[in-house]
């Protein structure tokens, strides 16, 4: 095991892995603001994988996803942001949504 991975394991075991990831996101956000990059460049932590389902855009054709307004002009999913997973409520909202 690499020294970096061992350090992460020890810290995660000590303070909790979710807490560690949340704090890393917060620290990254603060670092970007200090460097005048503004917010938004940091990695964001989301819900546990257990609470996620496959994003509906993966189960449909690209044409269907575009027709329903799920994809941005570049073809990226606005709902899962490329993660390929959303919560059950988000998936239901996507499937119930009509393009406006």
N, C-alpha and C. Protein backbone atom coordinates (compact mmCIF):
# COMPACT_ATOMS: atom_id res chain seq x y z
N UNK A 1 0.85 -1.17 0.00
CA UNK A 1 0.00 0.00 0.00
C UNK A 1 0.90 1.24 0.00
N UNK A 2 0.51 2.23 -0.81
CA UNK A 2 1.31 3.45 -0.89
C UNK A 2 1.18 4.25 0.41
N UNK A 3 2.19 5.07 0.72
CA UNK A 3 2.12 5.90 1.93
C UNK A 3 0.92 6.86 1.90
N UNK A 4 0.58 7.37 0.72
CA UNK A 4 -0.57 8.28 0.62
C UNK A 4 -1.86 7.55 0.96
N UNK A 5 -2.02 6.35 0.42
CA UNK A 5 -3.23 5.58 0.68
C UNK A 5 -3.32 5.21 2.16
N UNK A 6 -2.19 4.86 2.75
CA UNK A 6 -2.19 4.52 4.17
C UNK A 6 -2.56 5.74 5.02
N UNK A 7 -2.08 6.92 4.64
CA UNK A 7 -2.43 8.15 5.37
C UNK A 7 -3.93 8.41 5.28
N UNK A 8 -4.51 8.21 4.08
CA UNK A 8 -5.95 8.40 3.89
C UNK A 8 -6.71 7.38 4.73
N UNK A 9 -6.27 6.14 4.71
CA UNK A 9 -6.94 5.09 5.49
C UNK A 9 -6.94 5.44 6.99
N UNK A 10 -5.78 5.86 7.49
CA UNK A 10 -5.68 6.19 8.91
C UNK A 10 -6.58 7.37 9.28
N UNK A 11 -6.56 8.41 8.45
CA UNK A 11 -7.40 9.58 8.74
C UNK A 11 -8.88 9.24 8.61
N UNK A 12 -9.25 8.49 7.57
CA UNK A 12 -10.64 8.08 7.40
C UNK A 12 -11.14 7.25 8.55
N UNK A 13 -10.30 6.32 9.01
CA UNK A 13 -10.68 5.50 10.16
C UNK A 13 -10.83 6.36 11.42
N UNK A 14 -10.02 7.40 11.53
CA UNK A 14 -10.03 8.24 12.72
C UNK A 14 -11.21 9.21 12.75
N UNK A 15 -11.49 9.91 11.63
CA UNK A 15 -12.52 10.95 11.66
C UNK A 15 -13.77 10.60 10.85
N UNK A 16 -13.75 9.48 10.14
CA UNK A 16 -14.88 9.07 9.29
C UNK A 16 -14.60 9.46 7.85
N UNK A 17 -14.85 8.53 6.95
CA UNK A 17 -14.54 8.76 5.53
C UNK A 17 -15.43 9.85 4.92
N UNK A 18 -16.71 9.83 5.24
CA UNK A 18 -17.60 10.87 4.71
C UNK A 18 -17.19 12.24 5.20
N UNK A 19 -16.87 12.32 6.49
CA UNK A 19 -16.44 13.59 7.06
C UNK A 19 -15.14 14.06 6.41
N UNK A 20 -14.22 13.12 6.16
CA UNK A 20 -12.95 13.46 5.53
C UNK A 20 -13.20 14.03 4.12
N UNK A 21 -14.10 13.39 3.37
CA UNK A 21 -14.37 13.87 2.00
C UNK A 21 -15.07 15.23 2.02
N UNK A 22 -16.00 15.41 2.96
CA UNK A 22 -16.68 16.70 3.08
C UNK A 22 -15.67 17.79 3.42
N UNK A 23 -14.79 17.52 4.38
CA UNK A 23 -13.79 18.51 4.78
C UNK A 23 -12.80 18.79 3.65
N UNK A 24 -12.44 17.76 2.87
CA UNK A 24 -11.54 17.97 1.73
C UNK A 24 -12.19 18.88 0.70
N UNK A 25 -13.49 18.67 0.45
CA UNK A 25 -14.22 19.54 -0.48
C UNK A 25 -14.21 20.98 0.03
N UNK A 26 -14.46 21.16 1.31
CA UNK A 26 -14.48 22.50 1.90
C UNK A 26 -13.11 23.17 1.80
N UNK A 27 -12.05 22.41 2.11
CA UNK A 27 -10.69 22.96 2.02
C UNK A 27 -10.32 23.34 0.59
N UNK A 28 -10.70 22.49 -0.37
CA UNK A 28 -10.43 22.76 -1.78
C UNK A 28 -11.16 24.02 -2.22
N UNK A 29 -12.41 24.16 -1.80
CA UNK A 29 -13.21 25.35 -2.11
C UNK A 29 -12.51 26.61 -1.59
N UNK A 30 -12.07 26.57 -0.34
CA UNK A 30 -11.38 27.72 0.26
C UNK A 30 -10.09 28.04 -0.47
N UNK A 31 -9.35 27.01 -0.87
CA UNK A 31 -8.09 27.21 -1.59
C UNK A 31 -8.34 27.91 -2.93
N UNK A 32 -9.39 27.48 -3.65
CA UNK A 32 -9.71 28.11 -4.93
C UNK A 32 -10.13 29.57 -4.76
N UNK A 33 -10.89 29.85 -3.70
CA UNK A 33 -11.28 31.24 -3.44
C UNK A 33 -10.07 32.11 -3.13
N UNK A 34 -9.13 31.58 -2.32
CA UNK A 34 -7.91 32.34 -1.99
C UNK A 34 -7.09 32.61 -3.24
N UNK A 35 -7.12 31.70 -4.19
CA UNK A 35 -6.36 31.85 -5.44
C UNK A 35 -7.13 32.65 -6.49
N UNK A 36 -8.28 33.19 -6.09
CA UNK A 36 -9.14 34.01 -6.96
C UNK A 36 -9.72 33.24 -8.14
N UNK A 37 -9.88 31.93 -8.00
CA UNK A 37 -10.55 31.15 -9.03
C UNK A 37 -12.05 31.15 -8.84
N UNK A 38 -12.49 31.55 -7.66
CA UNK A 38 -13.90 31.53 -7.36
C UNK A 38 -14.37 30.12 -7.04
N UNK A 39 -15.60 30.02 -6.60
CA UNK A 39 -16.12 28.70 -6.21
C UNK A 39 -16.49 27.85 -7.42
N UNK A 40 -16.59 26.56 -7.20
CA UNK A 40 -17.10 25.67 -8.23
C UNK A 40 -16.10 24.72 -8.83
N UNK A 41 -14.83 24.89 -8.60
CA UNK A 41 -13.85 24.01 -9.19
C UNK A 41 -13.51 22.80 -8.35
N UNK A 42 -13.99 22.80 -7.12
CA UNK A 42 -13.67 21.70 -6.22
C UNK A 42 -14.53 20.46 -6.52
N UNK A 43 -14.01 19.31 -6.14
CA UNK A 43 -14.74 18.06 -6.27
C UNK A 43 -15.87 18.08 -5.25
N UNK A 44 -17.06 17.68 -5.66
CA UNK A 44 -18.21 17.68 -4.76
C UNK A 44 -18.53 16.27 -4.31
N UNK A 45 -18.86 16.13 -3.04
CA UNK A 45 -19.21 14.85 -2.45
C UNK A 45 -20.73 14.72 -2.44
N UNK A 46 -21.24 13.55 -2.80
CA UNK A 46 -22.68 13.35 -2.85
C UNK A 46 -23.15 12.24 -1.92
N UNK A 47 -24.37 11.80 -2.12
CA UNK A 47 -24.94 10.77 -1.26
C UNK A 47 -24.22 9.43 -1.40
N UNK A 48 -24.45 8.55 -0.44
CA UNK A 48 -23.88 7.20 -0.48
C UNK A 48 -24.39 6.48 -1.72
N UNK A 49 -23.56 5.66 -2.30
CA UNK A 49 -23.93 4.90 -3.50
C UNK A 49 -25.16 4.04 -3.27
N UNK A 50 -25.38 3.60 -2.04
CA UNK A 50 -26.54 2.78 -1.71
C UNK A 50 -27.85 3.47 -2.05
N UNK A 51 -27.87 4.79 -1.96
CA UNK A 51 -29.09 5.55 -2.20
C UNK A 51 -29.25 6.01 -3.64
N UNK A 52 -28.35 5.57 -4.50
CA UNK A 52 -28.35 6.02 -5.88
C UNK A 52 -28.87 4.93 -6.82
N UNK A 53 -29.37 5.36 -7.96
CA UNK A 53 -29.81 4.46 -9.02
C UNK A 53 -29.16 4.94 -10.32
N UNK A 54 -29.09 4.09 -11.33
CA UNK A 54 -28.52 4.54 -12.61
C UNK A 54 -29.32 5.73 -13.16
N UNK A 55 -28.61 6.70 -13.70
CA UNK A 55 -29.28 7.86 -14.29
C UNK A 55 -30.10 7.40 -15.51
N UNK A 56 -31.35 7.85 -15.60
CA UNK A 56 -32.17 7.45 -16.74
C UNK A 56 -31.55 7.75 -18.11
N UNK A 57 -30.67 8.75 -18.19
CA UNK A 57 -30.08 9.06 -19.50
C UNK A 57 -29.26 7.88 -20.03
N UNK A 58 -28.77 7.02 -19.14
CA UNK A 58 -27.99 5.87 -19.58
C UNK A 58 -28.86 4.77 -20.18
N UNK A 59 -30.13 4.75 -19.82
CA UNK A 59 -31.04 3.69 -20.27
C UNK A 59 -31.79 4.07 -21.54
N UNK A 60 -31.68 5.31 -21.95
CA UNK A 60 -32.41 5.80 -23.13
C UNK A 60 -31.42 6.19 -24.22
N UNK A 61 -31.93 6.39 -25.40
CA UNK A 61 -31.07 6.85 -26.48
C UNK A 61 -30.72 8.32 -26.26
N UNK A 62 -29.65 8.74 -26.89
CA UNK A 62 -29.25 10.14 -26.79
C UNK A 62 -30.33 11.06 -27.33
N UNK A 63 -31.00 10.64 -28.40
CA UNK A 63 -32.08 11.45 -28.99
C UNK A 63 -33.22 11.61 -27.98
N UNK A 64 -33.58 10.53 -27.30
CA UNK A 64 -34.63 10.59 -26.28
C UNK A 64 -34.22 11.53 -25.16
N UNK A 65 -32.98 11.39 -24.69
CA UNK A 65 -32.49 12.24 -23.61
C UNK A 65 -32.49 13.71 -24.01
N UNK A 66 -32.10 14.00 -25.24
CA UNK A 66 -32.13 15.39 -25.73
C UNK A 66 -33.56 15.91 -25.82
N UNK A 67 -34.46 15.08 -26.35
CA UNK A 67 -35.86 15.48 -26.49
C UNK A 67 -36.47 15.83 -25.14
N UNK A 68 -36.06 15.14 -24.09
CA UNK A 68 -36.60 15.38 -22.76
C UNK A 68 -35.83 16.44 -21.98
N UNK A 69 -34.87 17.06 -22.62
CA UNK A 69 -34.14 18.15 -21.98
C UNK A 69 -33.17 17.72 -20.90
N UNK A 70 -32.70 16.47 -20.97
CA UNK A 70 -31.77 15.99 -19.96
C UNK A 70 -30.34 16.38 -20.27
N UNK A 71 -30.02 16.62 -21.52
CA UNK A 71 -28.65 16.87 -21.93
C UNK A 71 -28.42 18.33 -22.26
N UNK A 72 -27.24 18.83 -21.93
CA UNK A 72 -26.88 20.19 -22.31
C UNK A 72 -26.47 20.20 -23.79
N UNK A 73 -26.20 21.37 -24.35
CA UNK A 73 -25.85 21.42 -25.78
C UNK A 73 -24.65 20.55 -26.18
N UNK A 74 -23.74 20.29 -25.23
CA UNK A 74 -22.58 19.46 -25.53
C UNK A 74 -22.88 17.96 -25.39
N UNK A 75 -24.11 17.63 -24.98
CA UNK A 75 -24.49 16.23 -24.83
C UNK A 75 -24.22 15.63 -23.47
N UNK A 76 -23.93 16.48 -22.48
CA UNK A 76 -23.69 16.01 -21.11
C UNK A 76 -24.98 16.09 -20.30
N UNK A 77 -25.19 15.12 -19.44
CA UNK A 77 -26.41 15.07 -18.64
C UNK A 77 -26.40 16.17 -17.58
N UNK A 78 -27.43 17.02 -17.60
CA UNK A 78 -27.56 18.09 -16.61
C UNK A 78 -27.96 17.57 -15.24
N UNK A 79 -28.45 16.34 -15.18
CA UNK A 79 -28.98 15.81 -13.92
C UNK A 79 -27.92 15.06 -13.12
N UNK A 80 -27.13 14.21 -13.77
CA UNK A 80 -26.12 13.44 -13.03
C UNK A 80 -24.71 14.01 -13.21
N UNK A 81 -24.55 14.97 -14.08
CA UNK A 81 -23.25 15.61 -14.34
C UNK A 81 -22.17 14.61 -14.72
N UNK A 82 -22.58 13.54 -15.39
CA UNK A 82 -21.62 12.55 -15.85
C UNK A 82 -21.31 11.45 -14.84
N UNK A 83 -21.87 11.54 -13.64
CA UNK A 83 -21.61 10.51 -12.63
C UNK A 83 -22.33 9.21 -12.96
N UNK A 84 -23.41 9.31 -13.73
CA UNK A 84 -24.16 8.12 -14.11
C UNK A 84 -25.10 7.61 -13.04
N UNK A 85 -25.20 8.35 -11.92
CA UNK A 85 -26.08 7.96 -10.83
C UNK A 85 -26.84 9.17 -10.31
N UNK A 86 -28.07 8.95 -9.91
CA UNK A 86 -28.91 9.98 -9.30
C UNK A 86 -29.72 9.31 -8.18
N UNK A 87 -30.36 10.11 -7.35
CA UNK A 87 -31.24 9.52 -6.34
C UNK A 87 -32.52 9.05 -7.01
N UNK A 88 -33.28 8.21 -6.32
CA UNK A 88 -34.54 7.70 -6.87
C UNK A 88 -35.50 8.85 -7.19
N UNK A 89 -35.54 9.85 -6.31
CA UNK A 89 -36.45 10.99 -6.54
C UNK A 89 -36.03 11.79 -7.77
N UNK A 90 -34.74 11.95 -7.98
CA UNK A 90 -34.27 12.66 -9.17
C UNK A 90 -34.63 11.86 -10.42
N UNK A 91 -34.42 10.55 -10.39
CA UNK A 91 -34.78 9.71 -11.54
C UNK A 91 -36.27 9.83 -11.84
N UNK A 92 -37.10 9.80 -10.80
CA UNK A 92 -38.55 9.93 -11.00
C UNK A 92 -38.89 11.30 -11.58
N UNK A 93 -38.22 12.33 -11.10
CA UNK A 93 -38.46 13.69 -11.62
C UNK A 93 -38.06 13.79 -13.09
N UNK A 94 -36.95 13.15 -13.43
CA UNK A 94 -36.52 13.17 -14.83
C UNK A 94 -37.55 12.50 -15.73
N UNK A 95 -38.02 11.35 -15.30
CA UNK A 95 -38.96 10.59 -16.12
C UNK A 95 -40.33 11.27 -16.20
N UNK A 96 -40.69 12.05 -15.18
CA UNK A 96 -41.98 12.74 -15.16
C UNK A 96 -41.92 14.08 -15.88
N UNK A 97 -40.72 14.62 -16.06
CA UNK A 97 -40.54 15.96 -16.63
C UNK A 97 -40.82 15.97 -18.12
N UNK A 98 -41.50 16.97 -18.55
CA UNK A 98 -41.73 17.19 -19.98
C UNK A 98 -40.89 18.39 -20.40
N UNK A 99 -40.30 18.31 -21.55
CA UNK A 99 -39.47 19.42 -22.04
C UNK A 99 -40.35 20.65 -22.18
N UNK A 100 -39.84 21.77 -21.62
CA UNK A 100 -40.61 23.00 -21.72
C UNK A 100 -40.11 23.89 -22.83
